[in-house]
């Protein structure tokens, strides 16, 4: 397989992201704070990318700066939407719905004329994704649905999809390391004005919540590095996201496996709901595989 490296990185990133979502959800349940968690996560990602300029072939050019800022702004708002969605809904649902990102990658590749046409099977994939979203968000009779969480998860997926469509195109004409560094640096800088929105004391350590927040932030930063290499250094964004979509299935597995042991409310659903979620996440993967064939 010629693209074994990016595919392996994407698969590892999907599992890492799912585990990060579980820990981040636990941190939010313990009172870490939505905006506080967002800033922690964003700064952890920024710290992991600090060595990138030293790996570049030259200084940051104006093109690297402009393109990096553009995708950085998109990434920041996607991150914010993701955390609000996690705060209002179940981590397994939010993460699974975000598996539709590959559909948005393919769509934006065509709309931005990076690809010549939109294959008919994309509509089949879109239909499967719609059914999957319905299954993922279909609660049991004792559960109140979080419609806003689903909407935000879809919006997050679209924003991240646009980022993944743009990054490999921008990387062709500039320095990959510099562009990716500017992207995450923009995310870090844009996080500063969010601090006053935090209801909690930002720098005060909260033992129960922050131990989960710390692990969630470390893991989300690690998966960001893995995906930046898979997307930015290999021009197969749609294919890479096929394996990255496995985070939906991973999140369900982790929620069922770790949820009860760490006291995560996400794991309280009955078997019927868990089965629907697994079917929904699987349909997302099937739909994504269709568009890459």
C-alpha atoms as a PDB file:
ATOM      1  CA  UNK A   1       0.000   0.000   0.000  1.00  0.00           C
ATOM      2  CA  UNK A   2       1.666   3.224  -1.172  1.00  0.00           C
ATOM      3  CA  UNK A   3      -0.101   5.418   1.386  1.00  0.00           C
ATOM      4  CA  UNK A   4       0.462   3.169   4.379  1.00  0.00           C
ATOM      5  CA  UNK A   5       2.106   5.952   6.391  1.00  0.00           C
ATOM      6  CA  UNK A   6      -0.707   8.562   6.178  1.00  0.00           C
ATOM      7  CA  UNK A   7      -3.371   5.874   6.606  1.00  0.00           C
ATOM      8  CA  UNK A   8      -1.646   4.504   9.721  1.00  0.00           C
ATOM      9  CA  UNK A   9      -1.262   8.007  11.136  1.00  0.00           C
ATOM     10  CA  UNK A  10      -4.951   8.735  10.535  1.00  0.00           C
ATOM     11  CA  UNK A  11      -6.053   5.501  12.206  1.00  0.00           C
ATOM     12  CA  UNK A  12      -3.896   6.254  15.244  1.00  0.00           C
ATOM     13  CA  UNK A  13      -5.196   9.832  15.308  1.00  0.00           C
ATOM     14  CA  UNK A  14      -8.802   8.594  15.256  1.00  0.00           C
ATOM     15  CA  UNK A  15      -8.288   6.363  18.302  1.00  0.00           C
ATOM     16  CA  UNK A  16      -6.345   9.090  20.117  1.00  0.00           C
ATOM     17  CA  UNK A  17      -9.017  11.707  19.401  1.00  0.00           C
ATOM     18  CA  UNK A  18     -11.798   9.429  20.671  1.00  0.00           C
ATOM     19  CA  UNK A  19      -9.970   8.827  23.945  1.00  0.00           C
ATOM     20  CA  UNK A  20      -9.325  12.558  24.245  1.00  0.00           C
ATOM     21  CA  UNK A  21     -13.051  13.264  23.776  1.00  0.00           C
ATOM     22  CA  UNK A  22     -13.919  10.823  26.572  1.00  0.00           C
ATOM     23  CA  UNK A  23     -11.473  12.465  28.989  1.00  0.00           C
ATOM     24  CA  UNK A  24     -12.532  15.975  27.936  1.00  0.00           C
ATOM     25  CA  UNK A  25     -16.194  15.094  28.482  1.00  0.00           C
ATOM     26  CA  UNK A  26     -15.348  13.774  31.958  1.00  0.00           C
ATOM     27  CA  UNK A  27     -13.469  17.003  32.709  1.00  0.00           C
ATOM     28  CA  UNK A  28     -16.483  19.052  31.615  1.00  0.00           C
ATOM     29  CA  UNK A  29     -18.785  16.940  33.796  1.00  0.00           C
ATOM     30  CA  UNK A  30     -16.468  17.620  36.753  1.00  0.00           C
ATOM     31  CA  UNK A  31     -16.662  21.382  36.237  1.00  0.00           C
ATOM     32  CA  UNK A  32     -13.558  22.171  34.192  1.00  0.00           C
ATOM     33  CA  UNK A  33     -15.541  24.740  32.211  1.00  0.00           C
ATOM     34  CA  UNK A  34     -16.270  24.780  28.487  1.00  0.00           C
ATOM     35  CA  UNK A  35     -14.181  27.809  27.503  1.00  0.00           C
ATOM     36  CA  UNK A  36     -11.429  26.986  29.984  1.00  0.00           C
ATOM     37  CA  UNK A  37     -11.171  23.484  28.508  1.00  0.00           C
ATOM     38  CA  UNK A  38     -11.118  24.968  25.014  1.00  0.00           C
ATOM     39  CA  UNK A  39      -8.160  27.228  25.823  1.00  0.00           C
ATOM     40  CA  UNK A  40      -6.240  24.421  27.538  1.00  0.00           C
ATOM     41  CA  UNK A  41      -6.743  22.207  24.508  1.00  0.00           C
ATOM     42  CA  UNK A  42      -5.771  24.906  22.018  1.00  0.00           C
ATOM     43  CA  UNK A  43      -2.640  25.864  23.910  1.00  0.00           C
ATOM     44  CA  UNK A  44      -1.593  22.215  24.219  1.00  0.00           C
ATOM     45  CA  UNK A  45      -1.866  21.900  20.432  1.00  0.00           C
ATOM     46  CA  UNK A  46       0.113  25.117  19.935  1.00  0.00           C
ATOM     47  CA  UNK A  47       2.900  23.921  22.243  1.00  0.00           C
ATOM     48  CA  UNK A  48       3.265  20.677  20.272  1.00  0.00           C
ATOM     49  CA  UNK A  49       3.771  22.635  17.039  1.00  0.00           C
ATOM     50  CA  UNK A  50       6.426  25.034  18.376  1.00  0.00           C
ATOM     51  CA  UNK A  51       9.314  22.976  16.878  1.00  0.00           C
ATOM     52  CA  UNK A  52       7.833  23.138  13.350  1.00  0.00           C
ATOM     53  CA  UNK A  53       9.589  26.379  12.233  1.00  0.00           C
ATOM     54  CA  UNK A  54      12.960  24.803  13.114  1.00  0.00           C
ATOM     55  CA  UNK A  55      12.147  21.959  10.702  1.00  0.00           C
ATOM     56  CA  UNK A  56      11.270  24.317   7.834  1.00  0.00           C
ATOM     57  CA  UNK A  57      13.559  25.044   4.905  1.00  0.00           C
ATOM     58  CA  UNK A  58      13.437  28.792   5.470  1.00  0.00           C
ATOM     59  CA  UNK A  59      11.707  31.664   7.296  1.00  0.00           C
ATOM     60  CA  UNK A  60       7.948  32.133   7.278  1.00  0.00           C
ATOM     61  CA  UNK A  61       6.873  33.749   4.013  1.00  0.00           C
ATOM     62  CA  UNK A  62       3.907  36.066   3.538  1.00  0.00           C
ATOM     63  CA  UNK A  63       2.089  33.253   1.723  1.00  0.00           C
ATOM     64  CA  UNK A  64       2.688  30.872   4.624  1.00  0.00           C
ATOM     65  CA  UNK A  65       1.410  33.547   7.003  1.00  0.00           C
ATOM     66  CA  UNK A  66      -1.777  34.392   5.100  1.00  0.00           C
ATOM     67  CA  UNK A  67      -2.735  30.792   4.413  1.00  0.00           C
ATOM     68  CA  UNK A  68      -1.846  29.697   7.947  1.00  0.00           C
ATOM     69  CA  UNK A  69      -3.982  32.436   9.503  1.00  0.00           C
ATOM     70  CA  UNK A  70      -6.940  31.525   7.273  1.00  0.00           C
ATOM     71  CA  UNK A  71      -6.979  27.840   8.211  1.00  0.00           C
ATOM     72  CA  UNK A  72      -6.131  28.755  11.810  1.00  0.00           C
ATOM     73  CA  UNK A  73      -9.273  30.879  12.140  1.00  0.00           C
ATOM     74  CA  UNK A  74     -11.367  28.035  10.715  1.00  0.00           C
ATOM     75  CA  UNK A  75      -9.711  25.553  13.064  1.00  0.00           C
ATOM     76  CA  UNK A  76     -10.327  27.796  16.076  1.00  0.00           C
ATOM     77  CA  UNK A  77     -14.061  28.136  15.459  1.00  0.00           C
ATOM     78  CA  UNK A  78     -14.305  24.404  14.799  1.00  0.00           C
ATOM     79  CA  UNK A  79     -12.619  23.743  18.133  1.00  0.00           C
ATOM     80  CA  UNK A  80     -14.972  26.116  19.949  1.00  0.00           C
ATOM     81  CA  UNK A  81     -18.023  24.508  18.367  1.00  0.00           C
ATOM     82  CA  UNK A  82     -16.707  21.048  19.276  1.00  0.00           C
ATOM     83  CA  UNK A  83     -16.315  21.857  22.961  1.00  0.00           C
ATOM     84  CA  UNK A  84     -19.752  23.433  23.223  1.00  0.00           C
ATOM     85  CA  UNK A  85     -21.182  20.326  21.538  1.00  0.00           C
ATOM     86  CA  UNK A  86     -19.349  18.071  24.024  1.00  0.00           C
ATOM     87  CA  UNK A  87     -20.633  20.140  26.929  1.00  0.00           C
ATOM     88  CA  UNK A  88     -24.240  19.777  25.811  1.00  0.00           C
ATOM     89  CA  UNK A  89     -24.217  16.225  24.476  1.00  0.00           C
ATOM     90  CA  UNK A  90     -22.650  12.785  24.754  1.00  0.00           C
ATOM     91  CA  UNK A  91     -19.035  12.381  23.668  1.00  0.00           C
ATOM     92  CA  UNK A  92     -19.808   9.206  21.707  1.00  0.00           C
ATOM     93  CA  UNK A  93     -22.575  10.934  19.728  1.00  0.00           C
ATOM     94  CA  UNK A  94     -20.604  14.113  19.018  1.00  0.00           C
ATOM     95  CA  UNK A  95     -17.471  12.228  17.981  1.00  0.00           C
ATOM     96  CA  UNK A  96     -19.424   9.812  15.786  1.00  0.00           C
ATOM     97  CA  UNK A  97     -21.313  12.584  13.969  1.00  0.00           C
ATOM     98  CA  UNK A  98     -18.001  14.317  13.315  1.00  0.00           C
ATOM     99  CA  UNK A  99     -17.053  11.223  11.313  1.00  0.00           C
ATOM    100  CA  UNK A 100     -18.977  12.845   8.457  1.00  0.00           C
ATOM    101  CA  UNK A 101     -16.017  15.213   8.019  1.00  0.00           C
ATOM    102  CA  UNK A 102     -14.787  13.249   5.004  1.00  0.00           C
ATOM    103  CA  UNK A 103     -18.024  14.020   3.180  1.00  0.00           C
ATOM    104  CA  UNK A 104     -17.361  17.713   3.689  1.00  0.00           C
ATOM    105  CA  UNK A 105     -13.733  17.299   2.580  1.00  0.00           C
ATOM    106  CA  UNK A 106     -14.891  15.781  -0.721  1.00  0.00           C
ATOM    107  CA  UNK A 107     -17.581  18.440  -1.140  1.00  0.00           C
ATOM    108  CA  UNK A 108     -15.200  21.350  -0.546  1.00  0.00           C
ATOM    109  CA  UNK A 109     -12.571  19.832  -2.841  1.00  0.00           C
ATOM    110  CA  UNK A 110     -15.108  20.081  -5.674  1.00  0.00           C
ATOM    111  CA  UNK A 111     -16.692  23.401  -4.694  1.00  0.00           C
ATOM    112  CA  UNK A 112     -13.253  25.026  -4.500  1.00  0.00           C
ATOM    113  CA  UNK A 113     -12.343  23.380  -7.819  1.00  0.00           C
ATOM    114  CA  UNK A 114      -9.501  21.358  -6.362  1.00  0.00           C
ATOM    115  CA  UNK A 115     -11.235  18.352  -7.966  1.00  0.00           C
ATOM    116  CA  UNK A 116     -13.029  18.413 -11.324  1.00  0.00           C
ATOM    117  CA  UNK A 117     -16.392  16.850 -10.496  1.00  0.00           C
ATOM    118  CA  UNK A 118     -18.616  15.543  -7.734  1.00  0.00           C
ATOM    119  CA  UNK A 119     -19.159  11.769  -8.046  1.00  0.00           C
ATOM    120  CA  UNK A 120     -22.723  10.510  -7.857  1.00  0.00           C
ATOM    121  CA  UNK A 121     -21.847   8.104  -5.077  1.00  0.00           C
ATOM    122  CA  UNK A 122     -21.219  11.122  -2.849  1.00  0.00           C
ATOM    123  CA  UNK A 123     -24.984  11.600  -2.663  1.00  0.00           C
ATOM    124  CA  UNK A 124     -25.344   8.001  -1.501  1.00  0.00           C
ATOM    125  CA  UNK A 125     -22.721   8.710   1.123  1.00  0.00           C
ATOM    126  CA  UNK A 126     -24.564  11.860   2.173  1.00  0.00           C
ATOM    127  CA  UNK A 127     -27.802   9.890   2.538  1.00  0.00           C
ATOM    128  CA  UNK A 128     -26.035   7.277   4.675  1.00  0.00           C
ATOM    129  CA  UNK A 129     -24.581  10.061   6.786  1.00  0.00           C
ATOM    130  CA  UNK A 130     -28.055  11.540   7.307  1.00  0.00           C
ATOM    131  CA  UNK A 131     -29.434   8.177   8.447  1.00  0.00           C
ATOM    132  CA  UNK A 132     -26.396   7.733  10.680  1.00  0.00           C
ATOM    133  CA  UNK A 133     -26.955  11.111  12.342  1.00  0.00           C
ATOM    134  CA  UNK A 134     -30.555  10.117  13.039  1.00  0.00           C
ATOM    135  CA  UNK A 135     -29.491   6.828  14.619  1.00  0.00           C
ATOM    136  CA  UNK A 136     -26.773   8.464  16.673  1.00  0.00           C
ATOM    137  CA  UNK A 137     -29.113  11.125  18.004  1.00  0.00           C
ATOM    138  CA  UNK A 138     -32.123   8.862  18.597  1.00  0.00           C
ATOM    139  CA  UNK A 139     -32.358   8.584  22.394  1.00  0.00           C
ATOM    140  CA  UNK A 140     -34.239   6.150  24.583  1.00  0.00           C
ATOM    141  CA  UNK A 141     -37.541   7.160  26.150  1.00  0.00           C
ATOM    142  CA  UNK A 142     -35.867   8.344  29.345  1.00  0.00           C
ATOM    143  CA  UNK A 143     -33.305  10.543  27.599  1.00  0.00           C
ATOM    144  CA  UNK A 144     -33.706  14.168  26.514  1.00  0.00           C
ATOM    145  CA  UNK A 145     -32.199  14.704  23.036  1.00  0.00           C
ATOM    146  CA  UNK A 146     -29.555  17.391  22.559  1.00  0.00           C
ATOM    147  CA  UNK A 147     -30.452  18.810  19.153  1.00  0.00           C
ATOM    148  CA  UNK A 148     -28.073  21.754  19.523  1.00  0.00           C
ATOM    149  CA  UNK A 149     -25.216  19.346  20.226  1.00  0.00           C
ATOM    150  CA  UNK A 150     -25.917  17.500  16.964  1.00  0.00           C
ATOM    151  CA  UNK A 151     -26.102  20.765  14.994  1.00  0.00           C
ATOM    152  CA  UNK A 152     -22.824  21.970  16.497  1.00  0.00           C
ATOM    153  CA  UNK A 153     -21.169  18.607  15.789  1.00  0.00           C
ATOM    154  CA  UNK A 154     -22.183  18.866  12.112  1.00  0.00           C
ATOM    155  CA  UNK A 155     -20.930  22.472  11.963  1.00  0.00           C
ATOM    156  CA  UNK A 156     -17.663  21.346  13.561  1.00  0.00           C
ATOM    157  CA  UNK A 157     -17.346  18.571  11.001  1.00  0.00           C
ATOM    158  CA  UNK A 158     -17.879  21.026   8.138  1.00  0.00           C
ATOM    159  CA  UNK A 159     -15.255  23.466   9.454  1.00  0.00           C
ATOM    160  CA  UNK A 160     -12.663  20.752   9.997  1.00  0.00           C
ATOM    161  CA  UNK A 161     -13.541  19.358   6.558  1.00  0.00           C
ATOM    162  CA  UNK A 162     -12.785  22.729   4.968  1.00  0.00           C
ATOM    163  CA  UNK A 163      -9.487  22.896   6.855  1.00  0.00           C
ATOM    164  CA  UNK A 164      -8.485  19.444   5.585  1.00  0.00           C
ATOM    165  CA  UNK A 165      -9.446  20.397   2.029  1.00  0.00           C
ATOM    166  CA  UNK A 166      -7.350  23.591   2.138  1.00  0.00           C
ATOM    167  CA  UNK A 167      -4.223  22.408   3.970  1.00  0.00           C
ATOM    168  CA  UNK A 168      -2.803  20.012   1.317  1.00  0.00           C
ATOM    169  CA  UNK A 169      -3.495  22.579  -1.415  1.00  0.00           C
ATOM    170  CA  UNK A 170      -1.726  25.349   0.487  1.00  0.00           C
ATOM    171  CA  UNK A 171       1.133  23.009   1.388  1.00  0.00           C
ATOM    172  CA  UNK A 172       1.923  22.513  -2.306  1.00  0.00           C
ATOM    173  CA  UNK A 173       3.077  26.099  -2.788  1.00  0.00           C
ATOM    174  CA  UNK A 174       4.654  26.990   0.534  1.00  0.00           C
ATOM    175  CA  UNK A 175       6.580  25.392   3.355  1.00  0.00           C
ATOM    176  CA  UNK A 176       4.444  22.783   5.117  1.00  0.00           C
ATOM    177  CA  UNK A 177       6.061  23.240   8.502  1.00  0.00           C
ATOM    178  CA  UNK A 178       5.742  27.032   8.461  1.00  0.00           C
ATOM    179  CA  UNK A 179       2.147  27.008   7.286  1.00  0.00           C
ATOM    180  CA  UNK A 180       1.062  24.474   9.915  1.00  0.00           C
ATOM    181  CA  UNK A 181       2.891  26.408  12.630  1.00  0.00           C
ATOM    182  CA  UNK A 182       1.145  29.660  11.697  1.00  0.00           C
ATOM    183  CA  UNK A 183      -2.174  27.797  11.693  1.00  0.00           C
ATOM    184  CA  UNK A 184      -1.836  26.521  15.260  1.00  0.00           C
ATOM    185  CA  UNK A 185      -0.206  29.741  16.464  1.00  0.00           C
ATOM    186  CA  UNK A 186      -3.309  31.563  15.231  1.00  0.00           C
ATOM    187  CA  UNK A 187      -5.451  29.132  17.231  1.00  0.00           C
ATOM    188  CA  UNK A 188      -3.363  29.842  20.332  1.00  0.00           C
ATOM    189  CA  UNK A 189      -3.554  33.615  19.929  1.00  0.00           C
ATOM    190  CA  UNK A 190      -7.304  33.603  19.265  1.00  0.00           C
ATOM    191  CA  UNK A 191      -7.769  31.639  22.482  1.00  0.00           C
ATOM    192  CA  UNK A 192      -6.508  34.511  24.637  1.00  0.00           C
ATOM    193  CA  UNK A 193      -9.693  36.664  24.314  1.00  0.00           C
ATOM    194  CA  UNK A 194     -11.699  33.601  25.380  1.00  0.00           C
ATOM    195  CA  UNK A 195     -10.147  33.560  28.878  1.00  0.00           C
ATOM    196  CA  UNK A 196     -12.424  36.333  30.277  1.00  0.00           C
ATOM    197  CA  UNK A 197     -15.416  34.213  29.219  1.00  0.00           C
ATOM    198  CA  UNK A 198     -14.384  31.460  31.632  1.00  0.00           C
ATOM    199  CA  UNK A 199     -16.667  31.260  34.652  1.00  0.00           C
ATOM    200  CA  UNK A 200     -14.027  29.377  36.607  1.00  0.00           C
ATOM    201  CA  UNK A 201     -10.657  30.763  37.736  1.00  0.00           C
ATOM    202  CA  UNK A 202      -8.517  29.993  34.720  1.00  0.00           C
ATOM    203  CA  UNK A 203      -5.172  29.270  36.425  1.00  0.00           C
ATOM    204  CA  UNK A 204      -6.527  27.679  39.614  1.00  0.00           C
ATOM    205  CA  UNK A 205      -5.914  23.923  39.653  1.00  0.00           C
ATOM    206  CA  UNK A 206      -9.070  21.850  40.147  1.00  0.00           C
ATOM    207  CA  UNK A 207      -7.805  18.400  41.165  1.00  0.00           C
ATOM    208  CA  UNK A 208     -10.754  16.278  40.046  1.00  0.00           C
ATOM    209  CA  UNK A 209     -11.576  18.082  36.802  1.00  0.00           C
ATOM    210  CA  UNK A 210      -8.124  19.140  35.672  1.00  0.00           C
ATOM    211  CA  UNK A 211      -6.488  15.724  35.785  1.00  0.00           C
ATOM    212  CA  UNK A 212      -8.955  14.652  33.075  1.00  0.00           C
ATOM    213  CA  UNK A 213      -8.588  17.953  31.264  1.00  0.00           C
ATOM    214  CA  UNK A 214      -4.803  17.583  31.223  1.00  0.00           C
ATOM    215  CA  UNK A 215      -4.966  14.120  29.675  1.00  0.00           C
ATOM    216  CA  UNK A 216      -7.627  15.209  27.204  1.00  0.00           C
ATOM    217  CA  UNK A 217      -5.531  18.194  26.124  1.00  0.00           C
ATOM    218  CA  UNK A 218      -2.352  16.130  25.720  1.00  0.00           C
ATOM    219  CA  UNK A 219      -4.141  13.532  23.618  1.00  0.00           C
ATOM    220  CA  UNK A 220      -5.953  16.043  21.391  1.00  0.00           C
ATOM    221  CA  UNK A 221      -2.613  17.770  20.759  1.00  0.00           C
ATOM    222  CA  UNK A 222      -1.026  14.443  19.849  1.00  0.00           C
ATOM    223  CA  UNK A 223      -3.754  13.565  17.367  1.00  0.00           C
ATOM    224  CA  UNK A 224      -3.486  17.051  15.844  1.00  0.00           C
ATOM    225  CA  UNK A 225       0.192  16.420  15.116  1.00  0.00           C
ATOM    226  CA  UNK A 226      -0.576  13.014  13.596  1.00  0.00           C
ATOM    227  CA  UNK A 227      -3.313  14.431  11.352  1.00  0.00           C
ATOM    228  CA  UNK A 228      -1.237  17.460  10.354  1.00  0.00           C
ATOM    229  CA  UNK A 229       1.405  15.108   8.966  1.00  0.00           C
ATOM    230  CA  UNK A 230      -1.140  12.791   7.307  1.00  0.00           C
ATOM    231  CA  UNK A 231      -3.045  15.658   5.646  1.00  0.00           C
ATOM    232  CA  UNK A 232      -0.330  18.263   5.119  1.00  0.00           C
ATOM    233  CA  UNK A 233       2.430  16.001   3.833  1.00  0.00           C
ATOM    234  CA  UNK A 234       0.366  13.577   1.746  1.00  0.00           C
ATOM    235  CA  UNK A 235      -2.193  14.722  -0.815  1.00  0.00           C
ATOM    236  CA  UNK A 236      -4.902  12.192   0.096  1.00  0.00           C
ATOM    237  CA  UNK A 237      -7.215  14.190   2.413  1.00  0.00           C
ATOM    238  CA  UNK A 238     -10.401  12.251   1.670  1.00  0.00           C
ATOM    239  CA  UNK A 239      -8.762   8.846   1.975  1.00  0.00           C
ATOM    240  CA  UNK A 240      -7.008   9.832   5.196  1.00  0.00           C
ATOM    241  CA  UNK A 241     -10.320  10.850   6.712  1.00  0.00           C
ATOM    242  CA  UNK A 242     -11.791   7.433   5.977  1.00  0.00           C
ATOM    243  CA  UNK A 243      -9.603   5.946   8.672  1.00  0.00           C
ATOM    244  CA  UNK A 244      -9.843   9.028  10.874  1.00  0.00           C
ATOM    245  CA  UNK A 245     -13.632   8.510  10.877  1.00  0.00           C
ATOM    246  CA  UNK A 246     -12.996   5.407  12.970  1.00  0.00           C
ATOM    247  CA  UNK A 247     -12.954   7.779  15.948  1.00  0.00           C
ATOM    248  CA  UNK A 248     -16.742   7.443  15.997  1.00  0.00           C
ATOM    249  CA  UNK A 249     -16.514   3.723  16.606  1.00  0.00           C
ATOM    250  CA  UNK A 250     -13.566   4.156  18.966  1.00  0.00           C
ATOM    251  CA  UNK A 251     -15.512   6.695  21.040  1.00  0.00           C
ATOM    252  CA  UNK A 252     -18.374   4.233  21.519  1.00  0.00           C
ATOM    253  CA  UNK A 253     -15.964   1.448  22.495  1.00  0.00           C
ATOM    254  CA  UNK A 254     -14.103   3.704  24.931  1.00  0.00           C
ATOM    255  CA  UNK A 255     -17.363   5.032  26.412  1.00  0.00           C
ATOM    256  CA  UNK A 256     -18.609   1.491  27.025  1.00  0.00           C
ATOM    257  CA  UNK A 257     -15.218   0.243  28.259  1.00  0.00           C
ATOM    258  CA  UNK A 258     -13.992   3.192  30.341  1.00  0.00           C
ATOM    259  CA  UNK A 259     -17.209   5.109  30.925  1.00  0.00           C
ATOM    260  CA  UNK A 260     -18.445   3.291  34.003  1.00  0.00           C
ATOM    261  CA  UNK A 261     -14.998   2.996  35.561  1.00  0.00           C
ATOM    262  CA  UNK A 262     -14.417   6.756  35.432  1.00  0.00           C
ATOM    263  CA  UNK A 263     -18.031   7.661  36.218  1.00  0.00           C
ATOM    264  CA  UNK A 264     -18.843   9.127  32.817  1.00  0.00           C
ATOM    265  CA  UNK A 265     -22.548   9.851  32.324  1.00  0.00           C
ATOM    266  CA  UNK A 266     -22.127   8.997  28.654  1.00  0.00           C
ATOM    267  CA  UNK A 267     -22.009   5.302  29.504  1.00  0.00           C
ATOM    268  CA  UNK A 268     -25.470   5.206  31.100  1.00  0.00           C
ATOM    269  CA  UNK A 269     -27.388   4.453  27.900  1.00  0.00           C
ATOM    270  CA  UNK A 270     -29.105   1.081  27.558  1.00  0.00           C
ATOM    271  CA  UNK A 271     -28.106  -1.632  25.097  1.00  0.00           C
ATOM    272  CA  UNK A 272     -30.672  -0.548  22.481  1.00  0.00           C
ATOM    273  CA  UNK A 273     -29.221   2.972  22.340  1.00  0.00           C
ATOM    274  CA  UNK A 274     -25.661   1.617  22.240  1.00  0.00           C
ATOM    275  CA  UNK A 275     -26.627  -0.685  19.351  1.00  0.00           C
ATOM    276  CA  UNK A 276     -28.171   2.181  17.372  1.00  0.00           C
ATOM    277  CA  UNK A 277     -25.063   4.268  17.918  1.00  0.00           C
ATOM    278  CA  UNK A 278     -22.787   1.477  16.690  1.00  0.00           C
ATOM    279  CA  UNK A 279     -24.972   1.012  13.581  1.00  0.00           C
ATOM    280  CA  UNK A 280     -25.003   4.776  12.969  1.00  0.00           C
ATOM    281  CA  UNK A 281     -21.225   5.086  13.332  1.00  0.00           C
ATOM    282  CA  UNK A 282     -20.772   2.084  11.033  1.00  0.00           C
ATOM    283  CA  UNK A 283     -22.983   3.686   8.364  1.00  0.00           C
ATOM    284  CA  UNK A 284     -20.814   6.787   8.532  1.00  0.00           C
ATOM    285  CA  UNK A 285     -17.740   4.683   7.845  1.00  0.00           C
ATOM    286  CA  UNK A 286     -19.492   2.873   4.948  1.00  0.00           C
ATOM    287  CA  UNK A 287     -20.510   6.201   3.424  1.00  0.00           C
ATOM    288  CA  UNK A 288     -17.001   7.552   3.694  1.00  0.00           C
ATOM    289  CA  UNK A 289     -15.495   4.433   2.134  1.00  0.00           C
ATOM    290  CA  UNK A 290     -17.832   4.846  -0.855  1.00  0.00           C
ATOM    291  CA  UNK A 291     -16.476   8.278  -1.774  1.00  0.00           C
ATOM    292  CA  UNK A 292     -12.869   7.054  -1.796  1.00  0.00           C
ATOM    293  CA  UNK A 293     -13.403   4.125  -4.149  1.00  0.00           C
END
